[in-house]
Amino acid sequence: MGAFIVTFLLFTFSAILTECRSRHVITRKAYLDISVGKKDAGQIVIGLFGDAVPKTVENFVQLCTGEKGFGYKNSKFHRIIKNFMIQGGDIRWYWRKKHLW
């Protein structure tokens, strides 16, 4: 029974992902240069769906480039699951540290 549920969930997730990919086109890309300590670790390229969420894409790109004077530069990832996802970008902590202390 457990294997059936897992298989069903994987199939459902795959179908949803395929549906999202077929409806939207990547209109912009955001680039994040990554380092571990002081060592360069490469670049993450994130495809953005500007036709679906144009304002969100614009805001995200501005945070990636820092064009408004603040953004993701020097922020940290707090959760990494290999080959799946990353979470991070708490720019509030960096902003407080840089500008209030």
Foldseek 3Di string as FASTA:
>chain_A
DVVVVVVVVVVVVVVVVVVVVVPFDQPDKFKAFDDDPPHTDGIDIDGDGCVVPVVVVVVQNCQRVCPVVHHQVPKDWPDDDPPPDTHTTPRVVVCCVVPVD
